[in-house]
Amino acid sequence: ILFTLIDGPKKFSDVEKFIPGISSRMLAERFKELELQGIIKKTVFPETPVRIEYKLTRKGLDLHDTFQTIGAWAEKWN
């Protein structure tokens, strides 16, 4: 989830497409957990239809270097 948001805000459906096999319910639960932890921010746009976007907070963006390190490790050992 966090990796998908690293390059900017995304809609729920965009993140859902990126993670094969995840249910909408599970994704919604994870979004709530990450929002409670202050890692992502949910923005509701009062449009018709309502548009909701999720983005990383500064706390979430701080994980970028960690993602790169894990990615390098995965490439080395796969």
PDB file of N, CA and C in Angstrom:
ATOM      1  N   ILE A   1       0.838  -1.189   0.000  1.00  0.00           N
ATOM      2  CA  ILE A   1       0.000   0.000   0.000  1.00  0.00           C
ATOM      3  C   ILE A   1       0.878   1.245   0.000  1.00  0.00           C
ATOM      4  N   LEU A   2       1.834   1.268   0.907  1.00  0.00           N
ATOM      5  CA  LEU A   2       2.695   2.443   1.016  1.00  0.00           C
ATOM      6  C   LEU A   2       3.511   2.654  -0.247  1.00  0.00           C
ATOM      7  N   PHE A   3       4.007   1.572  -0.805  1.00  0.00           N
ATOM      8  CA  PHE A   3       4.802   1.670  -2.028  1.00  0.00           C
ATOM      9  C   PHE A   3       3.994   2.297  -3.162  1.00  0.00           C
ATOM     10  N   THR A   4       2.720   1.983  -3.245  1.00  0.00           N
ATOM     11  CA  THR A   4       1.894   2.533  -4.331  1.00  0.00           C
ATOM     12  C   THR A   4       1.681   4.030  -4.174  1.00  0.00           C
ATOM     13  N   LEU A   5       1.759   4.527  -2.948  1.00  0.00           N
ATOM     14  CA  LEU A   5       1.510   5.951  -2.695  1.00  0.00           C
ATOM     15  C   LEU A   5       2.779   6.799  -2.732  1.00  0.00           C
ATOM     16  N   ILE A   6       3.927   6.165  -2.900  1.00  0.00           N
ATOM     17  CA  ILE A   6       5.195   6.886  -2.827  1.00  0.00           C
ATOM     18  C   ILE A   6       5.320   7.963  -3.904  1.00  0.00           C
ATOM     19  N   ASP A   7       4.680   7.752  -5.055  1.00  0.00           N
ATOM     20  CA  ASP A   7       4.805   8.738  -6.137  1.00  0.00           C
ATOM     21  C   ASP A   7       3.625   9.707  -6.214  1.00  0.00           C
ATOM     22  N   GLY A   8       2.771   9.716  -5.187  1.00  0.00           N
ATOM     23  CA  GLY A   8       1.694  10.699  -5.145  1.00  0.00           C
ATOM     24  C   GLY A   8       0.358  10.094  -4.751  1.00  0.00           C
ATOM     25  N   PRO A   9      -0.644  10.972  -4.574  1.00  0.00           N
ATOM     26  CA  PRO A   9      -1.973  10.526  -4.140  1.00  0.00           C
ATOM     27  C   PRO A   9      -2.608   9.549  -5.123  1.00  0.00           C
ATOM     28  N   LYS A  10      -3.397   8.633  -4.571  1.00  0.00           N
ATOM     29  CA  LYS A  10      -4.093   7.630  -5.386  1.00  0.00           C
ATOM     30  C   LYS A  10      -5.509   7.436  -4.865  1.00  0.00           C
ATOM     31  N   LYS A  11      -6.380   7.022  -5.770  1.00  0.00           N
ATOM     32  CA  LYS A  11      -7.732   6.627  -5.387  1.00  0.00           C
ATOM     33  C   LYS A  11      -7.677   5.189  -4.872  1.00  0.00           C
ATOM     34  N   PHE A  12      -8.689   4.821  -4.107  1.00  0.00           N
ATOM     35  CA  PHE A  12      -8.799   3.479  -3.550  1.00  0.00           C
ATOM     36  C   PHE A  12      -8.648   2.430  -4.653  1.00  0.00           C
ATOM     37  N   SER A  13      -9.371   2.623  -5.754  1.00  0.00           N
ATOM     38  CA  SER A  13      -9.364   1.631  -6.837  1.00  0.00           C
ATOM     39  C   SER A  13      -7.984   1.497  -7.480  1.00  0.00           C
ATOM     40  N   ASP A  14      -7.214   2.590  -7.529  1.00  0.00           N
ATOM     41  CA  ASP A  14      -5.864   2.523  -8.098  1.00  0.00           C
ATOM     42  C   ASP A  14      -4.954   1.646  -7.242  1.00  0.00           C
ATOM     43  N   VAL A  15      -5.055   1.802  -5.941  1.00  0.00           N
ATOM     44  CA  VAL A  15      -4.244   0.991  -5.029  1.00  0.00           C
ATOM     45  C   VAL A  15      -4.707  -0.468  -5.085  1.00  0.00           C
ATOM     46  N   GLU A  16      -6.006  -0.656  -5.137  1.00  0.00           N
ATOM     47  CA  GLU A  16      -6.577  -2.015  -5.186  1.00  0.00           C
ATOM     48  C   GLU A  16      -6.087  -2.772  -6.424  1.00  0.00           C
ATOM     49  N   LYS A  17      -5.999  -2.104  -7.558  1.00  0.00           N
ATOM     50  CA  LYS A  17      -5.526  -2.740  -8.798  1.00  0.00           C
ATOM     51  C   LYS A  17      -4.058  -3.145  -8.691  1.00  0.00           C
ATOM     52  N   PHE A  18      -3.294  -2.403  -7.931  1.00  0.00           N
ATOM     53  CA  PHE A  18      -1.856  -2.645  -7.812  1.00  0.00           C
ATOM     54  C   PHE A  18      -1.538  -3.857  -6.940  1.00  0.00           C
ATOM     55  N   ILE A  19      -2.489  -4.238  -6.067  1.00  0.00           N
ATOM     56  CA  ILE A  19      -2.244  -5.330  -5.122  1.00  0.00           C
ATOM     57  C   ILE A  19      -3.154  -6.502  -5.464  1.00  0.00           C
ATOM     58  N   PRO A  20      -2.675  -7.443  -6.251  1.00  0.00           N
ATOM     59  CA  PRO A  20      -3.511  -8.567  -6.655  1.00  0.00           C
ATOM     60  C   PRO A  20      -3.969  -9.411  -5.464  1.00  0.00           C
ATOM     61  N   GLY A  21      -5.231  -9.777  -5.489  1.00  0.00           N
ATOM     62  CA  GLY A  21      -5.757 -10.679  -4.484  1.00  0.00           C
ATOM     63  C   GLY A  21      -6.228 -10.031  -3.188  1.00  0.00           C
ATOM     64  N   ILE A  22      -6.036  -8.736  -3.030  1.00  0.00           N
ATOM     65  CA  ILE A  22      -6.504  -8.100  -1.798  1.00  0.00           C
ATOM     66  C   ILE A  22      -7.987  -7.766  -1.943  1.00  0.00           C
ATOM     67  N   SER A  23      -8.739  -8.030  -0.908  1.00  0.00           N
ATOM     68  CA  SER A  23     -10.164  -7.708  -0.944  1.00  0.00           C
ATOM     69  C   SER A  23     -10.352  -6.229  -0.612  1.00  0.00           C
ATOM     70  N   SER A  24     -11.465  -5.683  -1.054  1.00  0.00           N
ATOM     71  CA  SER A  24     -11.782  -4.282  -0.752  1.00  0.00           C
ATOM     72  C   SER A  24     -11.862  -4.067   0.755  1.00  0.00           C
ATOM     73  N   ARG A  25     -12.434  -5.026   1.440  1.00  0.00           N
ATOM     74  CA  ARG A  25     -12.575  -4.918   2.896  1.00  0.00           C
ATOM     75  C   ARG A  25     -11.211  -4.869   3.580  1.00  0.00           C
ATOM     76  N   MET A  26     -10.319  -5.748   3.164  1.00  0.00           N
ATOM     77  CA  MET A  26      -8.978  -5.790   3.761  1.00  0.00           C
ATOM     78  C   MET A  26      -8.229  -4.490   3.478  1.00  0.00           C
ATOM     79  N   LEU A  27      -8.324  -3.996   2.259  1.00  0.00           N
ATOM     80  CA  LEU A  27      -7.650  -2.753   1.900  1.00  0.00           C
ATOM     81  C   LEU A  27      -8.205  -1.586   2.720  1.00  0.00           C
ATOM     82  N   ALA A  28      -9.504  -1.532   2.879  1.00  0.00           N
ATOM     83  CA  ALA A  28     -10.131  -0.468   3.668  1.00  0.00           C
ATOM     84  C   ALA A  28      -9.647  -0.524   5.122  1.00  0.00           C
ATOM     85  N   GLU A  29      -9.527  -1.722   5.669  1.00  0.00           N
ATOM     86  CA  GLU A  29      -9.037  -1.876   7.039  1.00  0.00           C
ATOM     87  C   GLU A  29      -7.600  -1.392   7.164  1.00  0.00           C
ATOM     88  N   ARG A  30      -6.775  -1.740   6.201  1.00  0.00           N
ATOM     89  CA  ARG A  30      -5.366  -1.316   6.227  1.00  0.00           C
ATOM     90  C   ARG A  30      -5.254   0.200   6.096  1.00  0.00           C
ATOM     91  N   PHE A  31      -6.078   0.788   5.230  1.00  0.00           N
ATOM     92  CA  PHE A  31      -6.081   2.246   5.094  1.00  0.00           C
ATOM     93  C   PHE A  31      -6.423   2.901   6.427  1.00  0.00           C
ATOM     94  N   LYS A  32      -7.421   2.370   7.121  1.00  0.00           N
ATOM     95  CA  LYS A  32      -7.817   2.936   8.421  1.00  0.00           C
ATOM     96  C   LYS A  32      -6.680   2.843   9.424  1.00  0.00           C
ATOM     97  N   GLU A  33      -6.004   1.692   9.458  1.00  0.00           N
ATOM     98  CA  GLU A  33      -4.885   1.504  10.380  1.00  0.00           C
ATOM     99  C   GLU A  33      -3.759   2.491  10.082  1.00  0.00           C
ATOM    100  N   LEU A  34      -3.425   2.627   8.798  1.00  0.00           N
ATOM    101  CA  LEU A  34      -2.342   3.535   8.414  1.00  0.00           C
ATOM    102  C   LEU A  34      -2.701   4.989   8.693  1.00  0.00           C
ATOM    103  N   GLU A  35      -3.970   5.322   8.523  1.00  0.00           N
ATOM    104  CA  GLU A  35      -4.421   6.677   8.817  1.00  0.00           C
ATOM    105  C   GLU A  35      -4.335   6.955  10.327  1.00  0.00           C
ATOM    106  N   LEU A  36      -4.740   5.988  11.135  1.00  0.00           N
ATOM    107  CA  LEU A  36      -4.648   6.138  12.594  1.00  0.00           C
ATOM    108  C   LEU A  36      -3.203   6.296  13.067  1.00  0.00           C
ATOM    109  N   GLN A  37      -2.280   5.668  12.356  1.00  0.00           N
ATOM    110  CA  GLN A  37      -0.859   5.762  12.698  1.00  0.00           C
ATOM    111  C   GLN A  37      -0.212   7.045  12.170  1.00  0.00           C
ATOM    112  N   GLY A  38      -0.959   7.823  11.391  1.00  0.00           N
ATOM    113  CA  GLY A  38      -0.432   9.069  10.844  1.00  0.00           C
ATOM    114  C   GLY A  38       0.500   8.870   9.667  1.00  0.00           C
ATOM    115  N   ILE A  39       0.386   7.710   9.007  1.00  0.00           N
ATOM    116  CA  ILE A  39       1.265   7.399   7.878  1.00  0.00           C
ATOM    117  C   ILE A  39       0.637   7.819   6.557  1.00  0.00           C
ATOM    118  N   ILE A  40      -0.688   7.754   6.465  1.00  0.00           N
ATOM    119  CA  ILE A  40      -1.386   8.231   5.275  1.00  0.00           C
ATOM    120  C   ILE A  40      -2.458   9.229   5.683  1.00  0.00           C
ATOM    121  N   LYS A  41      -2.881  10.018   4.698  1.00  0.00           N
ATOM    122  CA  LYS A  41      -3.962  10.986   4.913  1.00  0.00           C
ATOM    123  C   LYS A  41      -5.037  10.727   3.873  1.00  0.00           C
ATOM    124  N   LYS A  42      -6.257  10.701   4.336  1.00  0.00           N
ATOM    125  CA  LYS A  42      -7.417  10.509   3.470  1.00  0.00           C
ATOM    126  C   LYS A  42      -8.034  11.893   3.226  1.00  0.00           C
ATOM    127  N   THR A  43      -8.239  12.217   1.951  1.00  0.00           N
ATOM    128  CA  THR A  43      -8.864  13.487   1.593  1.00  0.00           C
ATOM    129  C   THR A  43     -10.148  13.202   0.826  1.00  0.00           C
ATOM    130  N   VAL A  44     -11.251  13.765   1.309  1.00  0.00           N
ATOM    131  CA  VAL A  44     -12.554  13.602   0.668  1.00  0.00           C
ATOM    132  C   VAL A  44     -12.881  14.904  -0.049  1.00  0.00           C
ATOM    133  N   PHE A  45     -13.092  14.816  -1.353  1.00  0.00           N
ATOM    134  CA  PHE A  45     -13.436  15.979  -2.158  1.00  0.00           C
ATOM    135  C   PHE A  45     -14.951  16.030  -2.322  1.00  0.00           C
ATOM    136  N   PRO A  46     -15.573  17.136  -1.925  1.00  0.00           N
ATOM    137  CA  PRO A  46     -17.040  17.246  -1.993  1.00  0.00           C
ATOM    138  C   PRO A  46     -17.530  17.496  -3.412  1.00  0.00           C
ATOM    139  N   GLU A  47     -17.408  16.480  -4.230  1.00  0.00           N
ATOM    140  CA  GLU A  47     -17.837  16.540  -5.623  1.00  0.00           C
ATOM    141  C   GLU A  47     -18.947  15.523  -5.821  1.00  0.00           C
ATOM    142  N   THR A  48     -19.532  15.532  -6.990  1.00  0.00           N
ATOM    143  CA  THR A  48     -20.516  14.511  -7.333  1.00  0.00           C
ATOM    144  C   THR A  48     -20.004  13.776  -8.564  1.00  0.00           C
ATOM    145  N   PRO A  49     -19.674  12.502  -8.441  1.00  0.00           N
ATOM    146  CA  PRO A  49     -19.643  11.696  -7.212  1.00  0.00           C
ATOM    147  C   PRO A  49     -18.467  12.099  -6.320  1.00  0.00           C
ATOM    148  N   VAL A  50     -18.569  11.735  -5.052  1.00  0.00           N
ATOM    149  CA  VAL A  50     -17.513  12.053  -4.097  1.00  0.00           C
ATOM    150  C   VAL A  50     -16.217  11.383  -4.535  1.00  0.00           C
ATOM    151  N   ARG A  51     -15.132  12.133  -4.458  1.00  0.00           N
ATOM    152  CA  ARG A  51     -13.811  11.597  -4.805  1.00  0.00           C
ATOM    153  C   ARG A  51     -12.984  11.542  -3.530  1.00  0.00           C
ATOM    154  N   ILE A  52     -12.328  10.404  -3.317  1.00  0.00           N
ATOM    155  CA  ILE A  52     -11.487  10.210  -2.135  1.00  0.00           C
ATOM    156  C   ILE A  52     -10.094   9.835  -2.610  1.00  0.00           C
ATOM    157  N   GLU A  53      -9.099  10.513  -2.054  1.00  0.00           N
ATOM    158  CA  GLU A  53      -7.715  10.204  -2.372  1.00  0.00           C
ATOM    159  C   GLU A  53      -6.952   9.908  -1.086  1.00  0.00           C
ATOM    160  N   TYR A  54      -5.939   9.075  -1.236  1.00  0.00           N
ATOM    161  CA  TYR A  54      -5.057   8.738  -0.128  1.00  0.00           C
ATOM    162  C   TYR A  54      -3.651   9.147  -0.515  1.00  0.00           C
ATOM    163  N   LYS A  55      -2.934   9.730   0.438  1.00  0.00           N
ATOM    164  CA  LYS A  55      -1.549  10.099   0.174  1.00  0.00           C
ATOM    165  C   LYS A  55      -0.727   9.892   1.429  1.00  0.00           C
ATOM    166  N   LEU A  56       0.580   9.775   1.234  1.00  0.00           N
ATOM    167  CA  LEU A  56       1.476   9.624   2.357  1.00  0.00           C
ATOM    168  C   LEU A  56       1.648  10.955   3.069  1.00  0.00           C
ATOM    169  N   THR A  57       1.706  10.913   4.369  1.00  0.00           N
ATOM    170  CA  THR A  57       2.034  12.091   5.162  1.00  0.00           C
ATOM    171  C   THR A  57       3.561  12.234   5.165  1.00  0.00           C
ATOM    172  N   ARG A  58       4.056  13.246   5.840  1.00  0.00           N
ATOM    173  CA  ARG A  58       5.516  13.391   5.962  1.00  0.00           C
ATOM    174  C   ARG A  58       6.103  12.168   6.663  1.00  0.00           C
ATOM    175  N   LYS A  59       5.380  11.662   7.646  1.00  0.00           N
ATOM    176  CA  LYS A  59       5.820  10.455   8.356  1.00  0.00           C
ATOM    177  C   LYS A  59       5.906   9.278   7.382  1.00  0.00           C
ATOM    178  N   GLY A  60       4.910   9.144   6.518  1.00  0.00           N
ATOM    179  CA  GLY A  60       4.903   8.069   5.533  1.00  0.00           C
ATOM    180  C   GLY A  60       5.993   8.228   4.494  1.00  0.00           C
ATOM    181  N   LEU A  61       6.205   9.460   4.042  1.00  0.00           N
ATOM    182  CA  LEU A  61       7.246   9.725   3.046  1.00  0.00           C
ATOM    183  C   LEU A  61       8.634   9.437   3.592  1.00  0.00           C
ATOM    184  N   ASP A  62       8.766   9.532   4.891  1.00  0.00           N
ATOM    185  CA  ASP A  62      10.047   9.252   5.535  1.00  0.00           C
ATOM    186  C   ASP A  62      10.463   7.790   5.357  1.00  0.00           C
ATOM    187  N   LEU A  63       9.534   6.942   4.963  1.00  0.00           N
ATOM    188  CA  LEU A  63       9.824   5.520   4.744  1.00  0.00           C
ATOM    189  C   LEU A  63      10.463   5.251   3.381  1.00  0.00           C
ATOM    190  N   HIS A  64      10.574   6.268   2.532  1.00  0.00           N
ATOM    191  CA  HIS A  64      11.089   6.082   1.165  1.00  0.00           C
ATOM    192  C   HIS A  64      12.448   5.393   1.148  1.00  0.00           C
ATOM    193  N   ASP A  65      13.380   5.853   1.965  1.00  0.00           N
ATOM    194  CA  ASP A  65      14.712   5.232   1.998  1.00  0.00           C
ATOM    195  C   ASP A  65      14.643   3.776   2.438  1.00  0.00           C
ATOM    196  N   THR A  66      13.753   3.487   3.359  1.00  0.00           N
ATOM    197  CA  THR A  66      13.562   2.114   3.822  1.00  0.00           C
ATOM    198  C   THR A  66      13.088   1.226   2.674  1.00  0.00           C
ATOM    199  N   PHE A  67      12.139   1.741   1.860  1.00  0.00           N
ATOM    200  CA  PHE A  67      11.656   0.981   0.703  1.00  0.00           C
ATOM    201  C   PHE A  67      12.788   0.688  -0.266  1.00  0.00           C
ATOM    202  N   GLN A  68      13.638   1.679  -0.504  1.00  0.00           N
ATOM    203  CA  GLN A  68      14.751   1.479  -1.429  1.00  0.00           C
ATOM    204  C   GLN A  68      15.717   0.425  -0.906  1.00  0.00           C
ATOM    205  N   THR A  69      15.983   0.448   0.379  1.00  0.00           N
ATOM    206  CA  THR A  69      16.887  -0.537   0.980  1.00  0.00           C
ATOM    207  C   THR A  69      16.305  -1.943   0.885  1.00  0.00           C
ATOM    208  N   ILE A  70      15.027  -2.081   1.177  1.00  0.00           N
ATOM    209  CA  ILE A  70      14.376  -3.388   1.077  1.00  0.00           C
ATOM    210  C   ILE A  70      14.371  -3.868  -0.371  1.00  0.00           C
ATOM    211  N   GLY A  71      14.115  -2.959  -1.306  1.00  0.00           N
ATOM    212  CA  GLY A  71      14.132  -3.315  -2.726  1.00  0.00           C
ATOM    213  C   GLY A  71      15.501  -3.818  -3.165  1.00  0.00           C
ATOM    214  N   ALA A  72      16.544  -3.145  -2.729  1.00  0.00           N
ATOM    215  CA  ALA A  72      17.913  -3.568  -3.067  1.00  0.00           C
ATOM    216  C   ALA A  72      18.207  -4.940  -2.474  1.00  0.00           C
ATOM    217  N   TRP A  73      17.767  -5.166  -1.244  1.00  0.00           N
ATOM    218  CA  TRP A  73      17.954  -6.462  -0.612  1.00  0.00           C
ATOM    219  C   TRP A  73      17.227  -7.556  -1.392  1.00  0.00           C
ATOM    220  N   ALA A  74      15.987  -7.282  -1.789  1.00  0.00           N
ATOM    221  CA  ALA A  74      15.181  -8.278  -2.530  1.00  0.00           C
ATOM    222  C   ALA A  74      15.841  -8.613  -3.868  1.00  0.00           C
ATOM    223  N   GLU A  75      16.356  -7.616  -4.552  1.00  0.00           N
ATOM    224  CA  GLU A  75      17.030  -7.879  -5.837  1.00  0.00           C
ATOM    225  C   GLU A  75      18.273  -8.727  -5.635  1.00  0.00           C
ATOM    226  N   LYS A  76      19.000  -8.452  -4.583  1.00  0.00           N
ATOM    227  CA  LYS A  76      20.223  -9.204  -4.304  1.00  0.00           C
ATOM    228  C   LYS A  76      19.937 -10.680  -4.018  1.00  0.00           C
ATOM    229  N   TRP A  77      18.860 -10.957  -3.316  1.00  0.00           N
ATOM    230  CA  TRP A  77      18.597 -12.313  -2.867  1.00  0.00           C
ATOM    231  C   TRP A  77      17.553 -13.058  -3.670  1.00  0.00           C
ATOM    232  N   ASN A  78      17.068 -12.493  -4.760  1.00  0.00           N
ATOM    233  CA  ASN A  78      16.120 -13.221  -5.626  1.00  0.00           C
ATOM    234  C   ASN A  78      16.760 -13.636  -6.909  1.00  0.00           C
TER     235      ASN A  78
END
